[in-house]
Protein backbone atom coordinates (compact mmCIF):
# COMPACT_ATOMS: atom_id res chain seq x y z
CA MET A 1 -17.14 4.82 20.04
CA ALA A 2 -13.89 5.44 19.43
CA ASN A 3 -12.69 6.57 15.99
CA TYR A 4 -9.68 7.11 13.82
CA PHE A 5 -11.18 8.99 11.22
CA THR A 6 -13.83 10.89 13.42
CA ASP A 7 -11.55 12.30 16.51
CA ASN A 8 -8.83 13.73 13.47
CA PRO A 9 -11.17 16.63 11.30
CA ASP A 10 -7.73 16.84 9.78
CA ILE A 11 -8.09 14.02 7.95
CA LEU A 12 -11.62 15.27 6.24
CA PHE A 13 -10.17 18.30 5.49
CA ASN A 14 -7.50 16.98 3.34
CA LEU A 15 -10.11 14.69 1.98
CA ASP A 16 -12.26 17.71 0.82
CA ARG A 17 -9.53 19.82 -0.40
CA VAL A 18 -8.41 17.53 -2.81
CA ASP A 19 -11.87 17.47 -4.09
CA LEU A 20 -13.09 14.08 -4.05
CA ARG A 21 -16.08 14.53 -5.76
CA ALA A 22 -14.31 16.13 -8.85
CA LEU A 23 -12.21 12.39 -8.43
CA ALA A 24 -15.35 10.66 -8.48
CA ASP A 25 -16.31 12.24 -11.93
CA LEU A 26 -12.90 11.07 -13.46
CA ILE A 27 -13.50 7.65 -11.60
CA GLU A 28 -16.98 7.45 -12.38
CA GLY A 29 -17.73 9.09 -16.02
CA ASP A 30 -21.26 9.33 -16.74
CA TYR A 31 -22.20 6.93 -13.42
CA SER A 32 -23.69 4.28 -15.65
CA ASP A 33 -22.35 1.60 -13.04
CA ALA A 34 -25.21 2.90 -10.91
CA ALA A 35 -27.51 1.01 -13.07
CA THR A 36 -26.45 -2.38 -12.75
CA SER A 37 -24.53 -2.35 -9.49
CA GLU A 38 -26.33 -1.49 -5.91
CA PHE A 39 -23.15 -0.26 -4.63
CA ALA A 40 -21.94 2.32 -7.58
CA PRO A 41 -23.02 5.62 -6.59
CA GLU A 42 -25.43 7.53 -8.94
CA ASN A 43 -23.30 11.04 -9.11
CA ALA A 44 -20.13 13.29 -7.30
CA GLU A 45 -22.64 13.73 -4.28
CA ASP A 46 -23.18 9.86 -3.43
CA ALA A 47 -19.81 9.00 -4.85
CA ARG A 48 -18.32 11.49 -1.68
CA ASP A 49 -20.78 9.76 0.94
CA ASN A 50 -19.22 6.63 0.25
CA TYR A 51 -16.10 7.33 0.32
CA LEU A 52 -16.45 8.65 3.71
CA ASN A 53 -18.43 6.32 5.06
CA THR A 54 -15.92 3.72 4.18
CA CYS A 55 -12.85 6.11 5.79
CA ARG A 56 -16.22 5.89 8.91
CA ILE A 57 -15.89 2.12 8.93
CA ALA A 58 -12.45 1.85 8.87
CA GLY A 59 -11.78 4.42 11.37
CA GLU A 60 -14.20 2.78 13.70
CA LEU A 61 -12.35 -0.63 12.85
CA CYS A 62 -8.96 0.76 13.88
CA ALA A 63 -9.76 2.26 16.94
CA GLY A 64 -11.20 -0.91 18.40
CA PRO A 65 -10.25 -3.95 17.76
CA VAL A 66 -6.55 -3.16 15.66
CA GLU A 67 -5.52 -1.48 18.24
CA GLU A 68 -6.62 -3.54 21.01
CA ARG A 69 -4.70 -6.43 19.55
CA ALA A 70 -1.51 -4.63 18.69
CA ARG A 71 0.70 -4.90 21.74
CA ILE A 72 0.40 -8.45 21.77
CA ILE A 73 0.90 -9.39 18.24
CA ASP A 74 4.08 -7.38 18.27
CA GLN A 75 5.37 -9.02 21.56
CA GLU A 76 4.66 -12.43 20.32
CA GLY A 77 5.35 -12.18 16.47
CA ASN A 78 4.70 -14.81 13.61
CA SER A 79 6.09 -17.77 13.44
CA CYS A 80 7.85 -20.39 10.70
CA ARG A 81 8.25 -23.38 10.99
CA ASN A 82 8.84 -26.47 8.29
CA GLY A 83 9.28 -23.97 5.29
CA LYS A 84 6.09 -22.03 6.02
CA VAL A 85 4.47 -18.89 7.69
CA TYR A 86 2.22 -18.86 9.98
CA TYR A 87 0.45 -15.55 11.29
CA HIS A 88 -0.34 -15.01 14.60
CA PRO A 89 -4.18 -15.43 15.79
CA LEU A 90 -4.38 -11.92 16.33
CA VAL A 91 -3.09 -11.43 12.75
CA GLU A 92 -5.72 -13.95 10.71
CA GLU A 93 -8.45 -12.18 13.21
CA ASN A 94 -7.62 -8.39 11.72
CA ILE A 95 -7.07 -9.74 8.37
CA ARG A 96 -10.88 -11.82 8.47
CA ASP A 97 -12.18 -8.12 9.73
CA PHE A 98 -10.52 -6.02 7.20
CA ARG A 99 -12.22 -8.67 4.80
CA ARG A 100 -15.92 -8.64 6.48
CA ALA A 101 -15.68 -4.57 5.97
CA GLU A 102 -14.99 -5.16 2.77
CA LEU A 103 -11.37 -3.03 2.32
CA LEU A 104 -9.22 -5.32 0.95
CA GLY A 105 -9.64 -3.95 -2.78
CA ILE A 106 -10.43 0.13 -1.71
CA SER A 107 -9.25 0.94 -5.46
CA ILE A 108 -9.96 -1.79 -7.49
CA PRO A 109 -12.37 -1.69 -10.28
CA ARG A 110 -15.24 -3.28 -9.36
CA LYS A 111 -15.56 -5.43 -11.80
CA TYR A 112 -13.10 -7.62 -10.25
CA GLY A 113 -14.92 -7.25 -6.71
CA GLY A 114 -13.00 -3.79 -5.86
CA LEU A 115 -14.58 -0.65 -4.49
CA GLN A 116 -13.47 1.45 -6.89
CA MET A 117 -12.48 4.63 -4.99
CA PRO A 118 -9.66 6.48 -5.29
CA GLN A 119 -6.14 6.25 -3.86
CA VAL A 120 -6.78 9.25 -1.65
CA ILE A 121 -9.44 6.79 0.06
CA LYS A 122 -7.32 4.25 0.24
CA ILE A 123 -4.49 6.64 1.74
CA ALA A 124 -6.53 7.91 4.51
CA VAL A 125 -7.57 4.05 5.84
CA LEU A 126 -3.92 3.35 5.85
CA GLU A 127 -2.94 6.15 7.51
CA MET A 128 -5.47 4.95 10.57
CA VAL A 129 -4.47 1.38 10.30
CA SER A 130 -1.09 2.60 10.99
CA ARG A 131 -2.03 4.76 13.88
CA ALA A 132 -3.57 1.56 15.53
CA ASP A 133 -1.12 -1.09 14.63
CA ALA A 134 1.62 -0.05 11.69
CA SER A 135 2.67 -3.98 10.73
CA LEU A 136 -0.96 -4.57 9.51
CA MET A 137 -0.45 -1.59 7.07
CA ASN A 138 1.91 -3.74 5.55
CA LEU A 139 -0.64 -6.26 4.74
CA VAL A 140 -3.35 -3.85 4.13
CA GLY A 141 -1.20 -1.79 2.27
CA LEU A 142 -0.60 -5.00 -0.09
CA GLN A 143 -3.55 -4.22 -2.66
CA ASP A 144 -0.81 -2.62 -4.63
CA ILE A 145 -0.40 -6.48 -6.10
CA ALA A 146 -4.05 -6.67 -7.39
CA GLU A 147 -3.72 -2.69 -9.37
CA THR A 148 0.01 -3.64 -10.43
CA ILE A 149 -2.01 -7.14 -12.14
CA TYR A 150 -4.93 -4.80 -13.37
CA GLU A 151 -2.22 -2.24 -15.28
CA PHE A 152 -0.56 -4.26 -16.58
CA GLY A 153 -1.46 -8.26 -16.83
CA ASN A 154 -4.02 -9.46 -19.44
CA ASP A 155 -7.37 -10.05 -18.91
CA GLN A 156 -7.18 -13.60 -17.99
CA GLN A 157 -4.60 -12.97 -15.45
CA ARG A 158 -7.00 -10.30 -13.98
CA ALA A 159 -9.85 -12.54 -13.99
CA GLU A 160 -7.70 -15.41 -11.81
CA TYR A 161 -5.83 -13.31 -9.74
CA ILE A 162 -7.48 -9.80 -8.76
CA PRO A 163 -11.18 -10.86 -7.27
CA PRO A 164 -9.57 -13.33 -4.54
CA LEU A 165 -6.94 -9.99 -3.83
CA SER A 166 -10.15 -8.20 -3.55
CA ALA A 167 -12.27 -10.00 -1.74
CA GLY A 168 -9.67 -11.35 1.36
CA GLU A 169 -9.28 -14.38 0.39
CA ALA A 170 -5.47 -14.53 -0.98
CA THR A 171 -2.92 -12.17 0.58
CA GLY A 172 -0.48 -10.94 -1.62
CA ALA A 173 3.94 -9.90 -2.00
CA MET A 174 5.91 -7.82 -4.07
CA ILE A 175 8.93 -10.25 -4.44
CA LEU A 176 11.70 -7.61 -5.23
CA THR A 177 15.18 -7.87 -3.15
CA GLU A 178 18.06 -10.66 -3.19
CA PRO A 179 20.83 -10.79 -0.74
CA ASP A 180 22.86 -8.48 -2.64
CA SER A 181 20.39 -6.94 -4.78
CA GLY A 182 18.66 -4.38 -2.46
CA SER A 183 18.22 -0.98 -3.75
CA ASP A 184 20.54 -1.93 -6.91
CA LEU A 185 17.06 -3.84 -8.39
CA GLN A 186 19.10 -3.82 -11.68
CA SER A 187 21.33 -6.50 -10.50
CA VAL A 188 18.31 -9.24 -9.44
CA ARG A 189 19.62 -12.63 -10.47
CA LEU A 190 16.77 -14.76 -9.48
CA LYS A 191 16.12 -16.63 -12.98
CA ALA A 192 13.33 -17.13 -15.15
CA VAL A 193 13.47 -20.32 -17.27
CA PRO A 194 11.25 -19.68 -20.38
CA PRO A 195 8.82 -22.52 -21.66
CA PRO A 196 10.13 -24.73 -23.70
CA ASP A 197 7.74 -24.33 -26.63
CA GLY A 198 9.32 -20.32 -26.99
CA ASN A 199 5.91 -18.99 -26.34
CA ASP A 200 6.22 -16.40 -23.85
CA GLN A 201 2.16 -16.86 -22.63
CA GLY A 202 3.58 -20.28 -21.61
CA THR A 203 4.69 -22.00 -18.26
CA TRP A 204 7.88 -20.07 -17.38
CA HIS A 205 9.71 -21.34 -14.21
CA LEU A 206 11.73 -19.52 -11.29
CA GLN A 207 15.04 -20.87 -9.30
CA GLY A 208 17.02 -18.85 -6.92
CA VAL A 209 16.51 -16.62 -3.92
CA LYS A 210 14.99 -13.69 -2.73
CA ARG A 211 15.33 -11.70 0.87
CA PHE A 212 14.03 -9.27 2.87
CA ILE A 213 10.33 -9.80 1.25
CA THR A 214 7.54 -8.66 3.56
CA ASN A 215 4.37 -11.08 3.51
CA GLY A 216 6.39 -13.06 1.48
CA ASN A 217 4.25 -15.96 2.69
CA GLY A 218 1.61 -14.38 0.70
CA ASP A 219 -0.75 -16.63 -1.82
CA ILE A 220 -0.08 -14.73 -5.22
CA LEU A 221 3.16 -13.17 -5.82
CA LEU A 222 4.55 -10.43 -8.29
CA VAL A 223 8.44 -11.90 -8.63
CA LEU A 224 10.77 -9.49 -10.52
CA ALA A 225 12.94 -11.99 -12.19
CA ARG A 226 16.10 -12.44 -14.62
CA SER A 227 14.35 -13.62 -17.89
CA GLU A 228 17.36 -12.66 -20.42
CA GLU A 229 20.08 -14.76 -20.37
CA GLY A 230 23.77 -13.41 -20.67
CA THR A 231 22.12 -9.65 -19.10
CA VAL A 232 23.63 -8.20 -15.95
CA ASP A 233 21.49 -4.91 -15.74
CA GLY A 234 17.81 -3.80 -15.86
CA ARG A 235 17.40 -4.62 -19.17
CA GLY A 236 16.83 -8.48 -18.77
CA LEU A 237 14.84 -8.33 -15.78
CA SER A 238 11.02 -9.14 -16.52
CA LEU A 239 7.82 -8.99 -14.26
CA PHE A 240 6.13 -12.40 -13.12
CA VAL A 241 3.26 -13.55 -11.07
CA CYS A 242 2.67 -17.09 -9.71
CA ARG A 243 1.13 -18.56 -7.01
CA LYS A 244 2.28 -19.95 -3.54
CA ASP A 245 2.90 -23.42 -3.57
CA ASP A 246 5.41 -26.37 -2.73
CA THR A 247 7.98 -25.37 -4.72
CA ILE A 248 8.40 -22.08 -2.42
CA THR A 249 10.36 -22.29 0.58
CA ILE A 250 10.28 -20.26 3.48
CA ARG A 251 13.86 -20.19 5.12
CA ARG A 252 13.01 -17.87 8.27
CA ILE A 253 11.69 -14.68 9.04
CA GLU A 254 13.75 -11.81 9.66
CA ASN A 255 14.60 -10.76 13.21
CA LYS A 256 13.70 -6.97 12.85
CA LEU A 257 13.27 -4.28 15.67
CA GLY A 258 9.66 -3.93 15.39
CA ILE A 259 6.35 -4.38 13.02
CA HIS A 260 6.51 -7.95 14.19
CA GLY A 261 2.68 -8.54 12.78
CA SER A 262 4.42 -8.29 9.25
CA PRO A 263 6.80 -11.66 8.42
CA THR A 264 9.45 -10.48 6.66
CA CYS A 265 10.33 -13.63 4.29
CA ASP A 266 13.69 -15.25 3.38
CA MET A 267 12.43 -17.13 0.63
CA VAL A 268 14.05 -20.10 -2.30
CA PHE A 269 12.15 -20.47 -5.32
CA ASN A 270 12.85 -24.74 -6.74
CA ASP A 271 11.56 -24.40 -10.16
CA THR A 272 8.56 -22.07 -9.06
CA PRO A 273 5.66 -22.05 -12.10
CA ALA A 274 5.04 -18.38 -13.40
CA TYR A 275 3.21 -16.63 -15.57
CA LEU A 276 4.46 -13.42 -17.43
CA VAL A 277 3.26 -9.98 -16.83
CA GLY A 278 3.10 -7.74 -20.02
CA GLN A 279 6.18 -7.69 -22.05
CA ARG A 280 9.56 -8.78 -20.99
CA LYS A 281 12.40 -7.07 -20.67
CA ARG A 282 10.04 -4.26 -18.93
CA GLY A 283 9.78 -5.82 -15.70
CA LEU A 284 11.83 -3.25 -13.85
CA ILE A 285 12.13 -0.15 -15.60
CA LYS A 286 8.10 0.26 -16.16
CA TYR A 287 6.25 -2.27 -13.84
CA VAL A 288 8.05 -2.46 -10.98
CA MET A 289 8.81 1.61 -10.97
CA SER A 290 4.52 1.86 -11.36
CA LEU A 291 4.57 -0.83 -8.23
CA MET A 292 6.74 1.08 -6.27
CA ASN A 293 5.16 4.38 -6.25
CA GLY A 294 2.05 2.90 -4.92
CA ALA A 295 4.66 1.31 -2.26
CA ARG A 296 5.85 4.89 -1.49
CA VAL A 297 2.68 6.34 -0.65
CA GLY A 298 1.66 2.98 1.15
CA VAL A 299 5.05 3.56 3.53
CA ALA A 300 4.47 7.74 3.78
CA ALA A 301 0.95 7.30 4.89
CA GLN A 302 2.79 4.52 7.32
CA ALA A 303 4.42 6.79 8.73
CA VAL A 304 2.26 9.90 9.07
CA GLY A 305 -0.32 7.24 11.40
CA ILE A 306 2.83 6.47 12.90
CA ALA A 307 3.20 10.00 13.91
CA GLU A 308 0.06 10.46 15.16
CA ALA A 309 0.00 7.85 17.32
CA ALA A 310 2.89 9.16 18.59
CA TYR A 311 1.91 12.69 18.95
CA ARG A 312 -0.83 11.97 20.68
CA THR A 313 0.49 9.62 23.33
CA ALA A 314 2.74 12.42 24.09
CA ARG A 315 -0.01 15.21 24.79
CA ASP A 316 -1.97 12.56 26.86
CA TYR A 317 0.49 11.81 29.42
CA ALA A 318 1.72 15.72 29.03
CA GLU A 319 -1.73 16.86 29.88
CA THR A 320 -2.16 14.47 33.07
CA ARG A 321 1.58 14.34 34.35
CA ILE A 322 1.50 16.95 36.93
CA GLN A 323 4.67 18.59 38.31
CA PHE A 324 4.90 21.72 40.67
CA GLY A 325 1.37 21.55 40.37
CA GLN A 326 0.38 21.75 36.84
CA PRO A 327 0.26 19.75 33.90
CA ILE A 328 3.43 19.48 32.10
CA LEU A 329 1.64 20.83 29.05
CA GLN A 330 1.86 24.35 30.57
CA PHE A 331 5.37 24.89 30.85
CA PRO A 332 6.48 26.23 27.26
CA ALA A 333 9.33 23.76 26.34
CA VAL A 334 6.87 20.80 26.04
CA TYR A 335 4.58 23.06 24.93
CA GLU A 336 6.88 24.14 22.28
CA MET A 337 7.39 20.12 21.38
CA LEU A 338 4.07 19.57 21.23
CA THR A 339 3.16 22.52 18.79
CA ASP A 340 5.80 21.45 16.52
CA MET A 341 5.11 17.83 16.42
CA LYS A 342 1.23 18.63 15.50
CA LEU A 343 2.43 20.91 12.58
CA ARG A 344 4.85 18.47 11.37
CA ILE A 345 2.40 15.90 10.92
CA GLU A 346 -0.24 18.23 9.21
CA ALA A 347 2.61 19.30 6.71
CA GLY A 348 2.84 15.58 5.97
CA ARG A 349 -0.20 14.50 6.09
CA MET A 350 -0.98 17.93 3.62
CA LEU A 351 2.18 16.54 1.05
CA LEU A 352 0.54 12.74 1.08
CA TYR A 353 -2.70 13.60 0.42
CA GLU A 354 -1.76 15.49 -2.38
CA THR A 355 0.66 13.10 -3.59
CA GLY A 356 -2.67 10.79 -3.68
CA LYS A 357 -4.65 13.20 -5.34
CA ILE A 358 -1.98 13.45 -8.41
CA VAL A 359 -2.10 9.76 -8.30
CA ASP A 360 -5.29 9.57 -9.02
CA LEU A 361 -5.18 12.20 -11.55
CA GLN A 362 -2.25 10.41 -13.76
CA LYS A 363 -3.50 6.88 -13.84
CA HIS A 364 -7.61 7.29 -14.72
CA LEU A 365 -6.18 10.65 -17.32
CA ALA A 366 -3.45 7.91 -18.42
CA ALA A 367 -6.34 4.81 -18.67
CA ARG A 368 -9.03 6.95 -20.49
CA VAL A 369 -5.98 7.83 -23.47
CA GLN A 370 -5.77 4.20 -23.50
CA GLN A 371 -9.07 3.23 -23.66
CA ALA A 372 -9.38 6.06 -26.72
CA GLN A 373 -6.13 4.37 -28.49
CA ALA A 374 -7.69 0.66 -27.98
CA ARG A 375 -11.38 1.54 -29.87
CA GLY A 376 -9.47 3.45 -32.31
CA GLU A 377 -10.79 6.41 -31.68
CA ALA A 378 -8.67 10.19 -31.36
CA VAL A 379 -7.15 11.43 -28.21
CA ASP A 380 -8.04 14.84 -26.92
CA PRO A 381 -4.53 16.29 -26.83
CA GLU A 382 -4.87 18.36 -24.09
CA MET A 383 -6.27 14.96 -22.07
CA LYS A 384 -2.89 13.40 -23.00
CA MET A 385 -0.89 16.24 -22.22
CA SER A 386 -2.75 16.36 -18.69
CA ALA A 387 -2.10 12.75 -18.63
CA LYS A 388 2.00 12.83 -19.17
CA TYR A 389 2.35 16.13 -16.76
CA TYR A 390 0.56 14.27 -14.08
CA GLU A 391 3.16 11.21 -14.75
CA ARG A 392 5.88 13.33 -14.22
CA LEU A 393 4.65 14.65 -11.40
CA ALA A 394 3.66 11.66 -9.44
CA SER A 395 7.02 10.60 -9.91
CA VAL A 396 8.66 13.75 -8.03
CA LEU A 397 6.05 13.70 -5.51
CA THR A 398 5.74 10.13 -4.43
CA PRO A 399 9.31 9.16 -2.90
CA PHE A 400 9.74 13.07 -1.85
CA SER A 401 6.09 11.94 -0.16
CA LYS A 402 8.07 8.96 1.44
CA TYR A 403 11.14 10.57 2.46
CA PHE A 404 9.38 14.06 4.24
CA ASN A 405 7.03 11.93 6.08
CA ALA A 406 9.81 8.88 7.02
CA GLU A 407 11.65 11.74 8.81
CA MET A 408 8.79 13.47 10.08
CA CYS A 409 7.64 10.62 11.89
CA ASN A 410 11.17 9.66 13.35
CA ARG A 411 11.30 13.35 14.65
CA VAL A 412 8.17 13.33 15.96
CA ALA A 413 8.68 10.12 17.67
CA TYR A 414 11.71 11.42 19.05
CA GLN A 415 10.20 14.55 20.60
CA GLY A 416 6.97 12.07 21.79
CA ILE A 417 10.30 10.18 24.05
CA GLN A 418 11.27 13.77 25.07
CA VAL A 419 7.77 14.39 26.14
CA MET A 420 7.49 11.53 28.34
CA GLY A 421 10.55 11.98 30.14
CA GLY A 422 13.24 10.87 27.63
CA SER A 423 12.78 7.34 28.82
């Protein structure tokens, strides 16, 4: 049976290179969860086996039904009627399959229904998903929504919003950009009206328009909005969480060149009830920046997956296309192009998985520092220094990994077209 994990030894090579056992020790601590959860590992070796088994399950799912449905989904796309988005039936089947396989909360703590695995495992899964259907990655990859709520939300928000996201009972979206605020997020204008009683923890109301929103029809939404009246820069923005309801209208789905299985929405908020995540004024400068780090790594994984698909399609063609009595793979020009494609993909994958490792180290070391501070304990200076070091390193590697792999993907896809005759 086809499997996108077992047929690609370079993925396993990179997972072993980042040392899954060491990451498991960092994430699991003393492995005490094994006493209360049948799914928790008993030691580092057990954890590694769990991680790789998850990759095998994802690989089989991606190489089978996801790949088989991809062409029809991209040809027919989703639909928008009466202000609401309706997924293509095959997209619904993909989401249902991932829910049954429990692959929608990979890096979320077990306490909230997740698998509590490293980011690098999620990256491996997203790469395989993208190799089969790049648009599905835009839906499966939105696990960053739950991670952000876990990192910055309060206990009530975590308990309410994370379990349905982890279980696949709800989908999510990050609602950031507007008609006049794309890369320039500090100019966001969507208004957040504070509670009448002045209690920040009460119900706020959102008013305005958002555009180019991936999966804007999601059930649980993280929204960047202007909470400080009279401000015009990033210091006046806060982050809010809300649920999809009748106060939100989807005006249209954008007509994109591809990735049609992922609806990109134009949205209107009409006094939508919402709740503040974290502190006021930190929506962009802290919370969205953290959210975007995860999104950048996801896009990098998507690029590697697309490139892998392009390379394999071109290689298979070159092996079977006979000209002048031999496969065109034997012609030096074609062989060199395919070799260059493979080398670039492997370089991009190594950068991607190393970035995932750094993000794992940064997140879990920072969490340990915060937990010690919350208990009133003295923080190990070396741990604190390491957390800051990996935070700085992650802030450099996440955009670089996205940039390098996006450019690599474009080049590999172009070379693949040339191998297939330039048509």
